[in-house]
Amino acid sequence: MILEHALLPVLPGQEAEFEGAFAQAKEIIARMPGFGGLTLSRCLERPNTYLLLVQWERLEDHTEGFRGSADYQEWRRLLHPFYEPFPVVEHFSPVLTA
């Protein structure tokens, strides 16, 4: 299992609109092959920052499958206008669990 991590800096004052758009966008990502679930959390100290964690079976399910799909264009249309600056997305593999 691969864990995608992204800190999403949303334009101040647009948090409610972003959350509404994300509610629509999650339906897009949820139907992708290799998708294993996600959580979207809001930062308490910086309320316009969100943490997105997405589980994928393989790295390629995200980098090639999802990003290379036609559905990704709809994901971009819904969410990318909210980011400033654009988020850094990184992928992690488990080392230890408890």
N, C-alpha and C. Protein backbone atom coordinates (compact mmCIF):
# COMPACT_ATOMS: atom_id res chain seq x y z
N MET A 1 0.85 -1.18 0.00
CA MET A 1 0.00 0.00 0.00
C MET A 1 0.89 1.24 0.00
N ILE A 2 0.52 2.22 -0.80
CA ILE A 2 1.24 3.50 -0.90
C ILE A 2 0.34 4.58 -0.31
N LEU A 3 0.95 5.49 0.45
CA LEU A 3 0.20 6.60 1.03
C LEU A 3 0.63 7.90 0.35
N GLU A 4 -0.32 8.53 -0.30
CA GLU A 4 -0.10 9.85 -0.91
C GLU A 4 -0.37 10.91 0.15
N HIS A 5 0.51 11.90 0.25
CA HIS A 5 0.41 12.97 1.24
C HIS A 5 0.46 14.31 0.50
N ALA A 6 -0.51 15.17 0.78
CA ALA A 6 -0.49 16.51 0.19
C ALA A 6 -1.04 17.51 1.19
N LEU A 7 -0.29 18.57 1.44
CA LEU A 7 -0.79 19.71 2.20
C LEU A 7 -1.40 20.67 1.18
N LEU A 8 -2.68 20.96 1.36
CA LEU A 8 -3.43 21.76 0.39
C LEU A 8 -3.65 23.17 0.94
N PRO A 9 -2.91 24.17 0.43
CA PRO A 9 -3.09 25.54 0.87
C PRO A 9 -4.24 26.19 0.09
N VAL A 10 -5.37 26.34 0.73
CA VAL A 10 -6.56 26.88 0.09
C VAL A 10 -6.58 28.40 0.27
N LEU A 11 -6.99 29.10 -0.76
CA LEU A 11 -7.08 30.56 -0.67
C LEU A 11 -7.96 30.96 0.51
N PRO A 12 -7.47 31.85 1.38
CA PRO A 12 -8.25 32.26 2.55
C PRO A 12 -9.64 32.77 2.15
N GLY A 13 -10.62 32.35 2.93
CA GLY A 13 -11.99 32.75 2.68
C GLY A 13 -12.75 31.83 1.74
N GLN A 14 -12.05 30.85 1.15
CA GLN A 14 -12.69 29.94 0.20
C GLN A 14 -12.78 28.51 0.74
N GLU A 15 -12.61 28.36 2.05
CA GLU A 15 -12.59 27.03 2.64
C GLU A 15 -13.92 26.29 2.45
N ALA A 16 -15.03 26.94 2.67
CA ALA A 16 -16.34 26.28 2.52
C ALA A 16 -16.57 25.85 1.09
N GLU A 17 -16.21 26.69 0.14
CA GLU A 17 -16.37 26.35 -1.27
C GLU A 17 -15.46 25.18 -1.65
N PHE A 18 -14.24 25.19 -1.12
CA PHE A 18 -13.31 24.09 -1.37
C PHE A 18 -13.87 22.78 -0.83
N GLU A 19 -14.38 22.80 0.39
CA GLU A 19 -14.93 21.57 0.97
C GLU A 19 -16.10 21.05 0.15
N GLY A 20 -16.93 21.94 -0.37
CA GLY A 20 -18.03 21.52 -1.23
C GLY A 20 -17.54 20.91 -2.52
N ALA A 21 -16.52 21.52 -3.12
CA ALA A 21 -15.96 21.00 -4.36
C ALA A 21 -15.27 19.65 -4.11
N PHE A 22 -14.63 19.53 -2.95
CA PHE A 22 -13.95 18.27 -2.64
C PHE A 22 -14.97 17.15 -2.44
N ALA A 23 -16.11 17.46 -1.88
CA ALA A 23 -17.15 16.45 -1.72
C ALA A 23 -17.56 15.88 -3.07
N GLN A 24 -17.58 16.71 -4.10
CA GLN A 24 -17.85 16.23 -5.46
C GLN A 24 -16.66 15.46 -6.02
N ALA A 25 -15.47 16.00 -5.82
CA ALA A 25 -14.26 15.41 -6.41
C ALA A 25 -13.94 14.04 -5.82
N LYS A 26 -14.30 13.80 -4.57
CA LYS A 26 -13.97 12.50 -3.97
C LYS A 26 -14.66 11.35 -4.69
N GLU A 27 -15.79 11.63 -5.31
CA GLU A 27 -16.48 10.59 -6.08
C GLU A 27 -15.67 10.20 -7.31
N ILE A 28 -14.92 11.14 -7.86
CA ILE A 28 -14.08 10.87 -9.02
C ILE A 28 -12.93 9.95 -8.64
N ILE A 29 -12.20 10.31 -7.60
CA ILE A 29 -11.02 9.54 -7.22
C ILE A 29 -11.41 8.17 -6.67
N ALA A 30 -12.56 8.08 -6.02
CA ALA A 30 -12.98 6.82 -5.40
C ALA A 30 -13.23 5.72 -6.41
N ARG A 31 -13.50 6.05 -7.64
CA ARG A 31 -13.76 5.02 -8.65
C ARG A 31 -12.52 4.62 -9.45
N MET A 32 -11.37 5.16 -9.08
CA MET A 32 -10.14 4.85 -9.80
C MET A 32 -9.59 3.48 -9.39
N PRO A 33 -9.10 2.71 -10.35
CA PRO A 33 -8.45 1.44 -10.00
C PRO A 33 -7.28 1.68 -9.06
N GLY A 34 -7.17 0.86 -8.03
CA GLY A 34 -6.08 0.97 -7.08
C GLY A 34 -6.35 1.90 -5.92
N PHE A 35 -7.46 2.64 -5.95
CA PHE A 35 -7.80 3.56 -4.86
C PHE A 35 -8.17 2.75 -3.63
N GLY A 36 -7.61 3.13 -2.47
CA GLY A 36 -7.88 2.39 -1.24
C GLY A 36 -8.53 3.19 -0.14
N GLY A 37 -8.83 4.46 -0.39
CA GLY A 37 -9.47 5.30 0.62
C GLY A 37 -8.72 6.61 0.79
N LEU A 38 -9.40 7.57 1.41
CA LEU A 38 -8.76 8.86 1.66
C LEU A 38 -9.30 9.49 2.92
N THR A 39 -8.54 10.43 3.45
CA THR A 39 -9.00 11.32 4.50
C THR A 39 -8.59 12.73 4.13
N LEU A 40 -9.47 13.68 4.39
CA LEU A 40 -9.18 15.10 4.23
C LEU A 40 -9.38 15.73 5.60
N SER A 41 -8.32 16.35 6.12
CA SER A 41 -8.36 16.96 7.45
C SER A 41 -8.01 18.44 7.34
N ARG A 42 -8.62 19.24 8.22
CA ARG A 42 -8.37 20.68 8.23
C ARG A 42 -7.46 21.03 9.40
N CYS A 43 -6.47 21.87 9.13
CA CYS A 43 -5.51 22.28 10.15
C CYS A 43 -6.16 23.20 11.17
N LEU A 44 -5.94 22.96 12.44
CA LEU A 44 -6.50 23.80 13.50
C LEU A 44 -5.76 25.13 13.61
N GLU A 45 -4.44 25.10 13.42
CA GLU A 45 -3.65 26.32 13.54
C GLU A 45 -3.72 27.21 12.30
N ARG A 46 -3.87 26.60 11.15
CA ARG A 46 -3.97 27.33 9.88
C ARG A 46 -5.22 26.81 9.15
N PRO A 47 -6.39 27.38 9.43
CA PRO A 47 -7.64 26.81 8.92
C PRO A 47 -7.81 26.81 7.41
N ASN A 48 -6.92 27.44 6.68
CA ASN A 48 -7.01 27.37 5.22
C ASN A 48 -6.06 26.30 4.65
N THR A 49 -5.46 25.49 5.53
CA THR A 49 -4.59 24.40 5.11
C THR A 49 -5.25 23.06 5.42
N TYR A 50 -5.23 22.18 4.44
CA TYR A 50 -5.82 20.85 4.58
C TYR A 50 -4.76 19.80 4.34
N LEU A 51 -4.92 18.66 5.00
CA LEU A 51 -4.05 17.51 4.79
C LEU A 51 -4.86 16.44 4.08
N LEU A 52 -4.40 16.06 2.90
CA LEU A 52 -5.03 14.99 2.14
C LEU A 52 -4.13 13.77 2.18
N LEU A 53 -4.69 12.65 2.63
CA LEU A 53 -4.00 11.37 2.64
C LEU A 53 -4.82 10.41 1.80
N VAL A 54 -4.19 9.82 0.80
CA VAL A 54 -4.88 8.89 -0.10
C VAL A 54 -4.09 7.59 -0.12
N GLN A 55 -4.79 6.47 0.02
CA GLN A 55 -4.15 5.16 -0.08
C GLN A 55 -4.34 4.62 -1.49
N TRP A 56 -3.23 4.13 -2.03
CA TRP A 56 -3.21 3.51 -3.35
C TRP A 56 -2.57 2.14 -3.24
N GLU A 57 -2.99 1.21 -4.09
CA GLU A 57 -2.35 -0.10 -4.10
C GLU A 57 -0.91 0.01 -4.59
N ARG A 58 -0.70 0.79 -5.65
CA ARG A 58 0.62 0.96 -6.24
C ARG A 58 0.83 2.43 -6.57
N LEU A 59 2.06 2.87 -6.61
CA LEU A 59 2.37 4.25 -6.97
C LEU A 59 1.79 4.59 -8.34
N GLU A 60 1.89 3.67 -9.28
CA GLU A 60 1.43 3.91 -10.65
C GLU A 60 -0.09 4.09 -10.73
N ASP A 61 -0.82 3.55 -9.76
CA ASP A 61 -2.27 3.77 -9.75
C ASP A 61 -2.59 5.26 -9.62
N HIS A 62 -1.73 5.99 -8.93
CA HIS A 62 -1.92 7.43 -8.80
C HIS A 62 -1.25 8.19 -9.94
N THR A 63 0.05 7.93 -10.11
CA THR A 63 0.84 8.77 -11.03
C THR A 63 0.49 8.55 -12.49
N GLU A 64 0.13 7.33 -12.85
CA GLU A 64 -0.21 7.05 -14.25
C GLU A 64 -1.71 6.85 -14.43
N GLY A 65 -2.29 6.00 -13.59
CA GLY A 65 -3.71 5.68 -13.74
C GLY A 65 -4.62 6.87 -13.51
N PHE A 66 -4.55 7.46 -12.31
CA PHE A 66 -5.43 8.59 -11.99
C PHE A 66 -5.03 9.84 -12.77
N ARG A 67 -3.79 10.23 -12.66
CA ARG A 67 -3.37 11.47 -13.34
C ARG A 67 -3.45 11.38 -14.86
N GLY A 68 -3.40 10.18 -15.39
CA GLY A 68 -3.49 10.01 -16.83
C GLY A 68 -4.91 9.80 -17.34
N SER A 69 -5.86 9.80 -16.44
CA SER A 69 -7.25 9.52 -16.82
C SER A 69 -7.98 10.79 -17.26
N ALA A 70 -9.03 10.60 -18.04
CA ALA A 70 -9.89 11.73 -18.42
C ALA A 70 -10.57 12.32 -17.20
N ASP A 71 -10.88 11.48 -16.20
CA ASP A 71 -11.53 11.96 -14.99
C ASP A 71 -10.66 12.95 -14.22
N TYR A 72 -9.34 12.83 -14.36
CA TYR A 72 -8.44 13.75 -13.66
C TYR A 72 -8.67 15.19 -14.11
N GLN A 73 -9.05 15.39 -15.35
CA GLN A 73 -9.32 16.75 -15.82
C GLN A 73 -10.49 17.37 -15.06
N GLU A 74 -11.49 16.59 -14.72
CA GLU A 74 -12.61 17.09 -13.91
C GLU A 74 -12.16 17.37 -12.49
N TRP A 75 -11.33 16.51 -11.93
CA TRP A 75 -10.73 16.72 -10.60
C TRP A 75 -9.99 18.05 -10.58
N ARG A 76 -9.17 18.28 -11.59
CA ARG A 76 -8.42 19.55 -11.69
C ARG A 76 -9.36 20.74 -11.78
N ARG A 77 -10.39 20.64 -12.61
CA ARG A 77 -11.34 21.74 -12.78
C ARG A 77 -12.01 22.09 -11.45
N LEU A 78 -12.35 21.08 -10.67
CA LEU A 78 -13.05 21.30 -9.40
C LEU A 78 -12.14 21.88 -8.32
N LEU A 79 -10.88 21.43 -8.25
CA LEU A 79 -10.06 21.73 -7.07
C LEU A 79 -8.88 22.66 -7.30
N HIS A 80 -8.24 22.60 -8.43
CA HIS A 80 -6.99 23.35 -8.60
C HIS A 80 -7.13 24.86 -8.48
N PRO A 81 -8.27 25.46 -8.81
CA PRO A 81 -8.37 26.92 -8.64
C PRO A 81 -8.29 27.40 -7.18
N PHE A 82 -8.46 26.49 -6.22
CA PHE A 82 -8.45 26.88 -4.80
C PHE A 82 -7.04 26.97 -4.22
N TYR A 83 -6.01 26.44 -4.89
CA TYR A 83 -4.69 26.31 -4.29
C TYR A 83 -3.80 27.50 -4.59
N GLU A 84 -3.13 27.97 -3.52
CA GLU A 84 -2.12 29.02 -3.67
C GLU A 84 -1.17 28.93 -2.49
N PRO A 85 0.06 28.44 -2.71
CA PRO A 85 0.62 27.94 -3.96
C PRO A 85 0.12 26.52 -4.23
N PHE A 86 0.50 25.97 -5.38
CA PHE A 86 0.08 24.62 -5.72
C PHE A 86 0.74 23.64 -4.75
N PRO A 87 0.00 22.64 -4.27
CA PRO A 87 0.54 21.73 -3.26
C PRO A 87 1.63 20.80 -3.79
N VAL A 88 2.50 20.42 -2.88
CA VAL A 88 3.50 19.38 -3.16
C VAL A 88 2.86 18.05 -2.78
N VAL A 89 2.93 17.09 -3.67
CA VAL A 89 2.37 15.76 -3.44
C VAL A 89 3.53 14.78 -3.33
N GLU A 90 3.53 13.99 -2.26
CA GLU A 90 4.58 13.00 -2.05
C GLU A 90 3.94 11.66 -1.73
N HIS A 91 4.71 10.60 -1.93
CA HIS A 91 4.22 9.23 -1.72
C HIS A 91 5.11 8.52 -0.71
N PHE A 92 4.48 7.72 0.15
CA PHE A 92 5.19 7.03 1.22
C PHE A 92 4.81 5.55 1.23
N SER A 93 5.77 4.71 1.64
CA SER A 93 5.49 3.31 1.86
C SER A 93 5.72 3.00 3.34
N PRO A 94 4.94 2.09 3.90
CA PRO A 94 5.02 1.84 5.34
C PRO A 94 6.37 1.28 5.76
N VAL A 95 6.79 1.71 6.93
CA VAL A 95 8.01 1.19 7.56
C VAL A 95 7.62 0.46 8.84
N LEU A 96 6.85 1.12 9.69
CA LEU A 96 6.37 0.56 10.95
C LEU A 96 4.92 0.91 11.17
N THR A 97 4.20 0.06 11.81
CA THR A 97 2.83 0.35 12.24
C THR A 97 2.69 -0.06 13.70
N ALA A 98 1.71 0.51 14.36
CA ALA A 98 1.46 0.16 15.76
C ALA A 98 -0.03 0.02 15.97
